[in-house]
PDB file of N, CA and C in Angstrom:
ATOM      1  N   MET A   1     -17.932  -4.276  20.491  1.00  0.00           N
ATOM      2  CA  MET A   1     -17.221  -3.021  19.627  1.00  0.00           C
ATOM      3  C   MET A   1     -15.953  -3.148  19.881  1.00  0.00           C
ATOM      4  N   ILE A   2     -15.001  -2.526  18.876  1.00  0.00           N
ATOM      5  CA  ILE A   2     -13.356  -2.137  18.766  1.00  0.00           C
ATOM      6  C   ILE A   2     -13.493  -1.361  18.904  1.00  0.00           C
ATOM      7  N   ARG A   3     -12.836  -0.560  20.417  1.00  0.00           N
ATOM      8  CA  ARG A   3     -12.865   0.745  20.472  1.00  0.00           C
ATOM      9  C   ARG A   3     -10.528   1.052  19.971  1.00  0.00           C
ATOM     10  N   LEU A   4     -10.824   1.886  18.948  1.00  0.00           N
ATOM     11  CA  LEU A   4      -9.684   2.136  18.442  1.00  0.00           C
ATOM     12  C   LEU A   4      -9.212   4.014  18.783  1.00  0.00           C
ATOM     13  N   VAL A   5      -8.292   3.767  19.213  1.00  0.00           N
ATOM     14  CA  VAL A   5      -7.390   5.157  19.368  1.00  0.00           C
ATOM     15  C   VAL A   5      -6.321   5.371  18.108  1.00  0.00           C
ATOM     16  N   VAL A   6      -6.294   6.546  17.122  1.00  0.00           N
ATOM     17  CA  VAL A   6      -5.512   6.450  16.242  1.00  0.00           C
ATOM     18  C   VAL A   6      -4.243   7.850  16.826  1.00  0.00           C
ATOM     19  N   TYR A   7      -3.121   8.001  17.157  1.00  0.00           N
ATOM     20  CA  TYR A   7      -2.426   8.772  17.599  1.00  0.00           C
ATOM     21  C   TYR A   7      -1.851   9.232  16.163  1.00  0.00           C
ATOM     22  N   THR A   8      -1.528  10.699  15.860  1.00  0.00           N
ATOM     23  CA  THR A   8      -1.296  11.006  14.575  1.00  0.00           C
ATOM     24  C   THR A   8      -0.808  12.213  15.127  1.00  0.00           C
ATOM     25  N   ALA A   9       0.322  12.510  13.898  1.00  0.00           N
ATOM     26  CA  ALA A   9       0.924  13.619  13.644  1.00  0.00           C
ATOM     27  C   ALA A   9      -0.078  15.033  12.948  1.00  0.00           C
ATOM     28  N   GLY A  10      -0.807  15.012  12.665  1.00  0.00           N
ATOM     29  CA  GLY A  10      -2.187  15.898  11.755  1.00  0.00           C
ATOM     30  C   GLY A  10      -1.966  15.368  10.750  1.00  0.00           C
ATOM     31  N   ASP A  11      -2.594  16.265   9.976  1.00  0.00           N
ATOM     32  CA  ASP A  11      -2.767  15.877   8.578  1.00  0.00           C
ATOM     33  C   ASP A  11      -1.565  16.268   7.654  1.00  0.00           C
ATOM     34  N   ASP A  12      -0.622  16.547   8.024  1.00  0.00           N
ATOM     35  CA  ASP A  12       0.689  16.777   7.318  1.00  0.00           C
ATOM     36  C   ASP A  12       1.301  15.287   6.994  1.00  0.00           C
ATOM     37  N   CYS A  13       0.314  14.109   7.727  1.00  0.00           N
ATOM     38  CA  CYS A  13       1.505  13.242   7.705  1.00  0.00           C
ATOM     39  C   CYS A  13       0.440  12.361   7.051  1.00  0.00           C
ATOM     40  N   MET A  14       1.538  11.409   5.804  1.00  0.00           N
ATOM     41  CA  MET A  14       0.652  10.786   4.849  1.00  0.00           C
ATOM     42  C   MET A  14       0.461   9.458   5.404  1.00  0.00           C
ATOM     43  N   GLN A  15       0.898   8.753   6.209  1.00  0.00           N
ATOM     44  CA  GLN A  15       0.741   7.247   6.894  1.00  0.00           C
ATOM     45  C   GLN A  15      -0.431   7.660   7.395  1.00  0.00           C
ATOM     46  N   CYS A  16      -0.952   8.936   8.281  1.00  0.00           N
ATOM     47  CA  CYS A  16      -1.690   9.486   9.327  1.00  0.00           C
ATOM     48  C   CYS A  16      -2.742   8.926   8.437  1.00  0.00           C
ATOM     49  N   ARG A  17      -2.914   9.975   6.953  1.00  0.00           N
ATOM     50  CA  ARG A  17      -3.788  10.057   6.385  1.00  0.00           C
ATOM     51  C   ARG A  17      -4.489   8.990   6.042  1.00  0.00           C
ATOM     52  N   LEU A  18      -3.428   7.777   5.032  1.00  0.00           N
ATOM     53  CA  LEU A  18      -3.679   6.810   4.746  1.00  0.00           C
ATOM     54  C   LEU A  18      -4.252   5.783   5.686  1.00  0.00           C
ATOM     55  N   THR A  19      -4.116   6.027   6.863  1.00  0.00           N
ATOM     56  CA  THR A  19      -4.508   4.764   7.591  1.00  0.00           C
ATOM     57  C   THR A  19      -5.964   5.533   8.009  1.00  0.00           C
ATOM     58  N   LYS A  20      -6.120   7.023   8.103  1.00  0.00           N
ATOM     59  CA  LYS A  20      -7.680   6.846   8.677  1.00  0.00           C
ATOM     60  C   LYS A  20      -8.483   6.528   7.575  1.00  0.00           C
ATOM     61  N   ARG A  21      -8.384   6.748   6.249  1.00  0.00           N
ATOM     62  CA  ARG A  21      -9.162   6.785   5.554  1.00  0.00           C
ATOM     63  C   ARG A  21      -9.331   5.072   5.267  1.00  0.00           C
ATOM     64  N   MET A  22      -8.321   4.500   5.821  1.00  0.00           N
ATOM     65  CA  MET A  22      -8.521   2.967   5.471  1.00  0.00           C
ATOM     66  C   MET A  22      -9.356   2.546   6.945  1.00  0.00           C
ATOM     67  N   LEU A  23      -9.245   3.280   7.585  1.00  0.00           N
ATOM     68  CA  LEU A  23     -10.177   2.963   8.891  1.00  0.00           C
ATOM     69  C   LEU A  23     -11.893   3.071   8.383  1.00  0.00           C
ATOM     70  N   ASP A  24     -11.552   4.352   8.119  1.00  0.00           N
ATOM     71  CA  ASP A  24     -13.057   5.252   7.568  1.00  0.00           C
ATOM     72  C   ASP A  24     -13.822   4.003   6.702  1.00  0.00           C
ATOM     73  N   ALA A  25     -13.200   3.279   5.115  1.00  0.00           N
ATOM     74  CA  ALA A  25     -13.855   2.687   4.162  1.00  0.00           C
ATOM     75  C   ALA A  25     -13.736   1.283   4.871  1.00  0.00           C
ATOM     76  N   ALA A  26     -13.221   0.612   5.681  1.00  0.00           N
ATOM     77  CA  ALA A  26     -13.414  -0.350   6.912  1.00  0.00           C
ATOM     78  C   ALA A  26     -14.795  -0.211   7.585  1.00  0.00           C
ATOM     79  N   GLY A  27     -15.216   1.168   7.724  1.00  0.00           N
ATOM     80  CA  GLY A  27     -16.629   1.344   8.541  1.00  0.00           C
ATOM     81  C   GLY A  27     -16.010   1.040  10.187  1.00  0.00           C
ATOM     82  N   LEU A  28     -14.639   1.589  10.172  1.00  0.00           N
ATOM     83  CA  LEU A  28     -14.115   1.471  11.823  1.00  0.00           C
ATOM     84  C   LEU A  28     -14.341   2.194  12.226  1.00  0.00           C
ATOM     85  N   ALA A  29     -14.907   2.796  13.250  1.00  0.00           N
ATOM     86  CA  ALA A  29     -14.826   4.199  13.835  1.00  0.00           C
ATOM     87  C   ALA A  29     -13.485   4.014  14.932  1.00  0.00           C
ATOM     88  N   PHE A  30     -13.174   5.514  15.582  1.00  0.00           N
ATOM     89  CA  PHE A  30     -11.777   5.562  15.885  1.00  0.00           C
ATOM     90  C   PHE A  30     -11.836   7.116  15.995  1.00  0.00           C
ATOM     91  N   HIS A  31     -11.353   7.210  17.477  1.00  0.00           N
ATOM     92  CA  HIS A  31     -10.511   8.374  18.151  1.00  0.00           C
ATOM     93  C   HIS A  31      -9.362   8.709  17.965  1.00  0.00           C
ATOM     94  N   GLU A  32      -9.078  10.042  17.154  1.00  0.00           N
ATOM     95  CA  GLU A  32      -8.179  10.426  17.129  1.00  0.00           C
ATOM     96  C   GLU A  32      -7.374  11.622  18.197  1.00  0.00           C
ATOM     97  N   VAL A  33      -6.054  11.443  17.928  1.00  0.00           N
ATOM     98  CA  VAL A  33      -5.547  12.098  18.761  1.00  0.00           C
ATOM     99  C   VAL A  33      -4.016  12.459  18.171  1.00  0.00           C
ATOM    100  N   ASN A  34      -4.186  13.950  17.985  1.00  0.00           N
ATOM    101  CA  ASN A  34      -3.399  14.830  17.651  1.00  0.00           C
ATOM    102  C   ASN A  34      -2.387  15.109  17.863  1.00  0.00           C
ATOM    103  N   LEU A  35      -0.786  14.445  18.021  1.00  0.00           N
ATOM    104  CA  LEU A  35       0.231  14.500  19.243  1.00  0.00           C
ATOM    105  C   LEU A  35       0.612  15.644  18.831  1.00  0.00           C
ATOM    106  N   ALA A  36       0.554  16.060  17.527  1.00  0.00           N
ATOM    107  CA  ALA A  36       1.280  17.878  17.126  1.00  0.00           C
ATOM    108  C   ALA A  36       0.353  18.702  18.224  1.00  0.00           C
ATOM    109  N   GLU A  37      -0.432  18.486  18.683  1.00  0.00           N
ATOM    110  CA  GLU A  37      -1.287  19.859  19.696  1.00  0.00           C
ATOM    111  C   GLU A  37      -0.763  20.017  21.289  1.00  0.00           C
ATOM    112  N   PRO A  38      -0.142  20.718  21.627  1.00  0.00           N
ATOM    113  CA  PRO A  38       0.139  20.990  22.773  1.00  0.00           C
ATOM    114  C   PRO A  38      -0.585  20.250  24.236  1.00  0.00           C
ATOM    115  N   SER A  39      -2.041  20.700  23.542  1.00  0.00           N
ATOM    116  CA  SER A  39      -2.786  19.875  24.893  1.00  0.00           C
ATOM    117  C   SER A  39      -2.321  18.708  25.161  1.00  0.00           C
ATOM    118  N   ASN A  40      -2.043  18.064  24.130  1.00  0.00           N
ATOM    119  CA  ASN A  40      -1.932  16.699  23.922  1.00  0.00           C
ATOM    120  C   ASN A  40      -0.528  15.976  24.687  1.00  0.00           C
ATOM    121  N   ALA A  41      -0.245  16.419  25.299  1.00  0.00           N
ATOM    122  CA  ALA A  41       1.253  16.050  25.727  1.00  0.00           C
ATOM    123  C   ALA A  41       1.108  14.667  26.884  1.00  0.00           C
ATOM    124  N   ALA A  42       0.042  14.939  27.379  1.00  0.00           N
ATOM    125  CA  ALA A  42       0.375  13.465  28.615  1.00  0.00           C
ATOM    126  C   ALA A  42       0.162  12.575  27.718  1.00  0.00           C
ATOM    127  N   ALA A  43      -0.660  12.486  25.799  1.00  0.00           N
ATOM    128  CA  ALA A  43      -0.814  11.438  25.164  1.00  0.00           C
ATOM    129  C   ALA A  43       0.622  10.688  24.425  1.00  0.00           C
ATOM    130  N   HIS A  44       1.408  12.194  24.312  1.00  0.00           N
ATOM    131  CA  HIS A  44       2.409  12.000  23.867  1.00  0.00           C
ATOM    132  C   HIS A  44       3.565  11.295  24.805  1.00  0.00           C
ATOM    133  N   ALA A  45       3.167  11.790  25.983  1.00  0.00           N
ATOM    134  CA  ALA A  45       4.242  10.809  26.668  1.00  0.00           C
ATOM    135  C   ALA A  45       3.799   9.697  26.651  1.00  0.00           C
ATOM    136  N   ILE A  46       2.828   8.810  26.613  1.00  0.00           N
ATOM    137  CA  ILE A  46       2.197   7.433  26.632  1.00  0.00           C
ATOM    138  C   ILE A  46       2.915   6.693  25.748  1.00  0.00           C
ATOM    139  N   VAL A  47       2.339   7.236  24.743  1.00  0.00           N
ATOM    140  CA  VAL A  47       2.807   6.753  23.303  1.00  0.00           C
ATOM    141  C   VAL A  47       4.219   6.458  23.148  1.00  0.00           C
ATOM    142  N   THR A  48       4.849   7.491  23.749  1.00  0.00           N
ATOM    143  CA  THR A  48       7.123   7.581  23.688  1.00  0.00           C
ATOM    144  C   THR A  48       7.163   6.564  24.866  1.00  0.00           C
ATOM    145  N   LYS A  49       7.029   6.616  26.142  1.00  0.00           N
ATOM    146  CA  LYS A  49       7.348   6.241  27.276  1.00  0.00           C
ATOM    147  C   LYS A  49       6.795   4.662  27.325  1.00  0.00           C
ATOM    148  N   ASP A  50       5.489   4.626  27.908  1.00  0.00           N
ATOM    149  CA  ASP A  50       4.503   3.607  28.292  1.00  0.00           C
ATOM    150  C   ASP A  50       4.724   2.480  26.551  1.00  0.00           C
ATOM    151  N   LEU A  51       4.543   3.240  25.247  1.00  0.00           N
ATOM    152  CA  LEU A  51       4.582   2.323  24.223  1.00  0.00           C
ATOM    153  C   LEU A  51       5.675   2.163  23.293  1.00  0.00           C
ATOM    154  N   GLY A  52       6.590   2.996  24.049  1.00  0.00           N
ATOM    155  CA  GLY A  52       7.865   3.137  23.157  1.00  0.00           C
ATOM    156  C   GLY A  52       7.897   3.420  21.448  1.00  0.00           C
ATOM    157  N   TYR A  53       7.063   4.058  21.138  1.00  0.00           N
ATOM    158  CA  TYR A  53       6.867   4.839  19.916  1.00  0.00           C
ATOM    159  C   TYR A  53       7.773   6.106  19.549  1.00  0.00           C
ATOM    160  N   LEU A  54       8.212   5.965  18.120  1.00  0.00           N
ATOM    161  CA  LEU A  54       8.748   7.282  17.789  1.00  0.00           C
ATOM    162  C   LEU A  54       8.215   7.657  16.291  1.00  0.00           C
ATOM    163  N   SER A  55       7.611   7.074  16.113  1.00  0.00           N
ATOM    164  CA  SER A  55       6.668   7.063  14.858  1.00  0.00           C
ATOM    165  C   SER A  55       5.337   7.330  14.960  1.00  0.00           C
ATOM    166  N   VAL A  56       4.608   8.012  14.111  1.00  0.00           N
ATOM    167  CA  VAL A  56       3.322   8.131  13.649  1.00  0.00           C
ATOM    168  C   VAL A  56       2.712   7.500  12.163  1.00  0.00           C
ATOM    169  N   PRO A  57       1.922   6.518  12.219  1.00  0.00           N
ATOM    170  CA  PRO A  57       0.804   6.656  13.544  1.00  0.00           C
ATOM    171  C   PRO A  57       0.902   5.584  14.156  1.00  0.00           C
ATOM    172  N   ILE A  58       0.318   5.433  15.022  1.00  0.00           N
ATOM    173  CA  ILE A  58      -0.213   4.856  16.179  1.00  0.00           C
ATOM    174  C   ILE A  58      -1.964   4.384  16.326  1.00  0.00           C
ATOM    175  N   VAL A  59      -1.985   3.152  16.452  1.00  0.00           N
ATOM    176  CA  VAL A  59      -3.028   2.426  16.463  1.00  0.00           C
ATOM    177  C   VAL A  59      -3.019   1.845  17.318  1.00  0.00           C
ATOM    178  N   VAL A  60      -4.164   1.914  18.757  1.00  0.00           N
ATOM    179  CA  VAL A  60      -4.281   1.157  19.457  1.00  0.00           C
ATOM    180  C   VAL A  60      -5.755   0.424  19.782  1.00  0.00           C
ATOM    181  N   ASP A  61      -5.679  -0.684  20.070  1.00  0.00           N
ATOM    182  CA  ASP A  61      -7.000  -1.501  19.752  1.00  0.00           C
ATOM    183  C   ASP A  61      -6.905  -2.724  20.989  1.00  0.00           C
ATOM    184  N   GLU A  62      -7.416  -1.990  22.237  1.00  0.00           N
ATOM    185  CA  GLU A  62      -7.967  -2.875  22.895  1.00  0.00           C
ATOM    186  C   GLU A  62      -6.794  -3.487  23.262  1.00  0.00           C
ATOM    187  N   GLY A  63      -5.364  -3.204  23.731  1.00  0.00           N
ATOM    188  CA  GLY A  63      -3.956  -3.811  23.995  1.00  0.00           C
ATOM    189  C   GLY A  63      -3.613  -4.462  22.806  1.00  0.00           C
ATOM    190  N   ARG A  64      -3.587  -3.974  22.013  1.00  0.00           N
ATOM    191  CA  ARG A  64      -2.844  -4.658  21.180  1.00  0.00           C
ATOM    192  C   ARG A  64      -2.254  -3.236  20.170  1.00  0.00           C
ATOM    193  N   HIS A  65      -1.265  -2.491  19.842  1.00  0.00           N
ATOM    194  CA  HIS A  65      -0.879  -1.714  18.785  1.00  0.00           C
ATOM    195  C   HIS A  65      -0.088  -1.840  18.276  1.00  0.00           C
ATOM    196  N   TRP A  66       0.000  -0.950  17.426  1.00  0.00           N
ATOM    197  CA  TRP A  66       1.272  -0.843  16.238  1.00  0.00           C
ATOM    198  C   TRP A  66       1.419   0.527  15.835  1.00  0.00           C
ATOM    199  N   ALA A  67       2.580   0.709  14.987  1.00  0.00           N
ATOM    200  CA  ALA A  67       2.866   2.047  14.437  1.00  0.00           C
ATOM    201  C   ALA A  67       3.062   1.924  12.698  1.00  0.00           C
ATOM    202  N   GLY A  68       2.335   2.684  12.245  1.00  0.00           N
ATOM    203  CA  GLY A  68       2.699   3.003  10.851  1.00  0.00           C
ATOM    204  C   GLY A  68       1.369   2.511  10.191  1.00  0.00           C
ATOM    205  N   PHE A  69       1.559   2.930   8.755  1.00  0.00           N
ATOM    206  CA  PHE A  69       0.347   2.473   7.797  1.00  0.00           C
ATOM    207  C   PHE A  69       0.478   0.821   7.652  1.00  0.00           C
ATOM    208  N   ARG A  70      -0.365   0.092   8.418  1.00  0.00           N
ATOM    209  CA  ARG A  70      -0.446  -1.503   7.816  1.00  0.00           C
ATOM    210  C   ARG A  70      -1.839  -1.482   7.505  1.00  0.00           C
ATOM    211  N   PRO A  71      -2.460  -1.774   6.293  1.00  0.00           N
ATOM    212  CA  PRO A  71      -3.255  -2.123   5.916  1.00  0.00           C
ATOM    213  C   PRO A  71      -3.461  -3.645   6.380  1.00  0.00           C
ATOM    214  N   ASP A  72      -2.673  -4.173   6.554  1.00  0.00           N
ATOM    215  CA  ASP A  72      -2.869  -6.021   7.032  1.00  0.00           C
ATOM    216  C   ASP A  72      -3.486  -5.860   8.311  1.00  0.00           C
ATOM    217  N   LEU A  73      -3.218  -5.259   8.717  1.00  0.00           N
ATOM    218  CA  LEU A  73      -3.580  -5.325  10.738  1.00  0.00           C
ATOM    219  C   LEU A  73      -4.766  -4.523  10.467  1.00  0.00           C
ATOM    220  N   ILE A  74      -4.852  -3.505   9.754  1.00  0.00           N
ATOM    221  CA  ILE A  74      -6.426  -2.746   9.665  1.00  0.00           C
ATOM    222  C   ILE A  74      -7.513  -3.611   8.852  1.00  0.00           C
ATOM    223  N   SER A  75      -7.035  -4.751   7.737  1.00  0.00           N
ATOM    224  CA  SER A  75      -8.106  -5.550   7.260  1.00  0.00           C
ATOM    225  C   SER A  75      -8.388  -6.574   8.438  1.00  0.00           C
ATOM    226  N   ASP A  76      -7.114  -7.134   9.150  1.00  0.00           N
ATOM    227  CA  ASP A  76      -7.855  -7.919  10.105  1.00  0.00           C
ATOM    228  C   ASP A  76      -8.800  -7.575  11.261  1.00  0.00           C
ATOM    229  N   LEU A  77      -8.214  -6.124  11.700  1.00  0.00           N
ATOM    230  CA  LEU A  77      -9.174  -5.421  12.545  1.00  0.00           C
ATOM    231  C   LEU A  77     -11.223  -5.077  11.677  1.00  0.00           C
ATOM    232  N   ALA A  78     -11.050  -5.088  10.637  1.00  0.00           N
ATOM    233  CA  ALA A  78     -12.318  -5.408   9.904  1.00  0.00           C
ATOM    234  C   ALA A  78     -12.971  -6.429  10.321  1.00  0.00           C
ATOM    235  N   LYS A  79     -12.171  -7.510   9.998  1.00  0.00           N
ATOM    236  CA  LYS A  79     -12.961  -8.819   9.855  1.00  0.00           C
ATOM    237  C   LYS A  79     -12.597  -9.276  11.404  1.00  0.00           C
ATOM    238  N   ARG A  80     -12.778  -8.852  12.776  1.00  0.00           N
ATOM    239  CA  ARG A  80     -12.937  -9.244  13.944  1.00  0.00           C
ATOM    240  C   ARG A  80     -14.191  -7.908  14.308  1.00  0.00           C
ATOM    241  N   ALA A  81     -14.539  -7.053  14.053  1.00  0.00           N
ATOM    242  CA  ALA A  81     -15.442  -6.117  13.857  1.00  0.00           C
ATOM    243  C   ALA A  81     -16.350  -6.579  13.318  1.00  0.00           C
ATOM    244  N   ILE A  82     -16.668  -7.921  12.512  1.00  0.00           N
ATOM    245  CA  ILE A  82     -18.113  -8.284  11.834  1.00  0.00           C
ATOM    246  C   ILE A  82     -18.712  -9.188  13.475  1.00  0.00           C
ATOM    247  N   LEU A  83     -20.040  -8.735  13.463  1.00  0.00           N
ATOM    248  CA  LEU A  83     -20.576  -9.682  14.186  1.00  0.00           C
ATOM    249  C   LEU A  83     -20.624 -11.051  14.146  1.00  0.00           C
ATOM    250  N   PRO A  84     -20.743 -11.724  14.886  1.00  0.00           N
ATOM    251  CA  PRO A  84     -20.933 -13.067  14.810  1.00  0.00           C
ATOM    252  C   PRO A  84     -22.100 -13.278  13.944  1.00  0.00           C
ATOM    253  N   SER A  85     -23.208 -13.071  13.964  1.00  0.00           N
ATOM    254  CA  SER A  85     -24.924 -12.845  13.501  1.00  0.00           C
ATOM    255  C   SER A  85     -24.735 -12.486  11.986  1.00  0.00           C
ATOM    256  N   ASP A  86     -23.839 -11.211  11.621  1.00  0.00           N
ATOM    257  CA  ASP A  86     -23.860 -10.568  10.419  1.00  0.00           C
ATOM    258  C   ASP A  86     -22.874 -12.413   9.546  1.00  0.00           C
ATOM    259  N   ALA A  87     -21.756 -12.612  10.033  1.00  0.00           N
ATOM    260  CA  ALA A  87     -21.209 -13.546   9.299  1.00  0.00           C
ATOM    261  C   ALA A  87     -21.467 -14.793   9.100  1.00  0.00           C
ATOM    262  N   THR A  88     -22.599 -15.257  10.546  1.00  0.00           N
ATOM    263  CA  THR A  88     -23.452 -16.651  10.189  1.00  0.00           C
ATOM    264  C   THR A  88     -24.107 -16.514   8.860  1.00  0.00           C
ATOM    265  N   ARG A  89     -24.859 -15.254   9.026  1.00  0.00           N
ATOM    266  CA  ARG A  89     -26.035 -14.886   7.771  1.00  0.00           C
ATOM    267  C   ARG A  89     -25.121 -14.726   6.990  1.00  0.00           C
ATOM    268  N   GLU A  90     -23.829 -14.514   6.298  1.00  0.00           N
ATOM    269  CA  GLU A  90     -23.468 -14.405   4.958  1.00  0.00           C
ATOM    270  C   GLU A  90     -22.650 -16.037   4.179  1.00  0.00           C
ATOM    271  N   ALA A  91     -22.742 -16.474   5.372  1.00  0.00           N
ATOM    272  CA  ALA A  91     -21.716 -17.815   5.180  1.00  0.00           C
ATOM    273  C   ALA A  91     -23.076 -18.839   4.827  1.00  0.00           C
ATOM    274  N   ARG A  92     -24.374 -18.499   5.358  1.00  0.00           N
ATOM    275  CA  ARG A  92     -25.741 -18.915   4.967  1.00  0.00           C
ATOM    276  C   ARG A  92     -26.564 -18.537   3.882  1.00  0.00           C
ATOM    277  N   SER A  93     -25.979 -17.843   3.414  1.00  0.00           N
ATOM    278  CA  SER A  93     -26.721 -17.397   2.135  1.00  0.00           C
ATOM    279  C   SER A  93     -26.550 -18.144   1.191  1.00  0.00           C
ATOM    280  N   PRO A  94     -27.728 -18.522   0.368  1.00  0.00           N
ATOM    281  CA  PRO A  94     -27.525 -19.283  -0.960  1.00  0.00           C
ATOM    282  C   PRO A  94     -26.712 -18.790  -1.958  1.00  0.00           C
ATOM    283  N   ALA A  95     -26.108 -19.502  -2.550  1.00  0.00           N
ATOM    284  CA  ALA A  95     -25.175 -19.073  -3.775  1.00  0.00           C
ATOM    285  C   ALA A  95     -26.124 -18.421  -5.045  1.00  0.00           C
ATOM    286  N   ARG A  96     -25.217 -17.442  -5.561  1.00  0.00           N
ATOM    287  CA  ARG A  96     -26.229 -16.951  -7.155  1.00  0.00           C
ATOM    288  C   ARG A  96     -25.264 -16.952  -8.222  1.00  0.00           C
TER     289      ARG A  96
END
């Protein structure tokens, strides 16, 4: 199972909303961290100092990460999330 964390600036951020909506539509579970909340100051320091990002959303996927609304990368995540048994079942199903 893919573990995703999405760092956002809350619901006022259009790219954040689009990213979360697309992840939901793809069936990908994620944990949201709102960097605008004062209680998340440590997370803010991690994404700015350690990862080097200055804009949101930031999606972190088990060592891989990116900033911004990236439908291409979300689609890649969705493809990787398919279990091999599901992919095999789809590939072997007869054509209709």
